[in-house]
Amino acid sequence: MTETLTQEQVQRTHDRRRRPVGPHYKWVALTNTTLGSLMATIDASIVLIAFPAIFKELELTHWPQANQVISSGSCLAIWS
């Protein structure tokens, strides 16, 4: 299953590693990070506003039950 690489393939791999990043790379990274933070903040706000309706729909009145639902939902969001 193991293949031996030709000298040309090895040289191409080394050339790719040495290639400098583009001049706009830092702006792309900053934009992606900023948009990710913004989306996470908006998502957290939406969930926080929706909690009373969620608890009412699930007929949860005690905080231990609510904490269990919140932690289960968090685990599902992380694993999906």
Foldseek 3Di string as FASTA:
>chain_A
DDDDDDPVVVVVVVVVVPDDDDPCVVVVVVVVVVVVVVVVVVVVVVVVVCLVVVCVVVVPDDVVVVVVVVVVVVVVVVVD
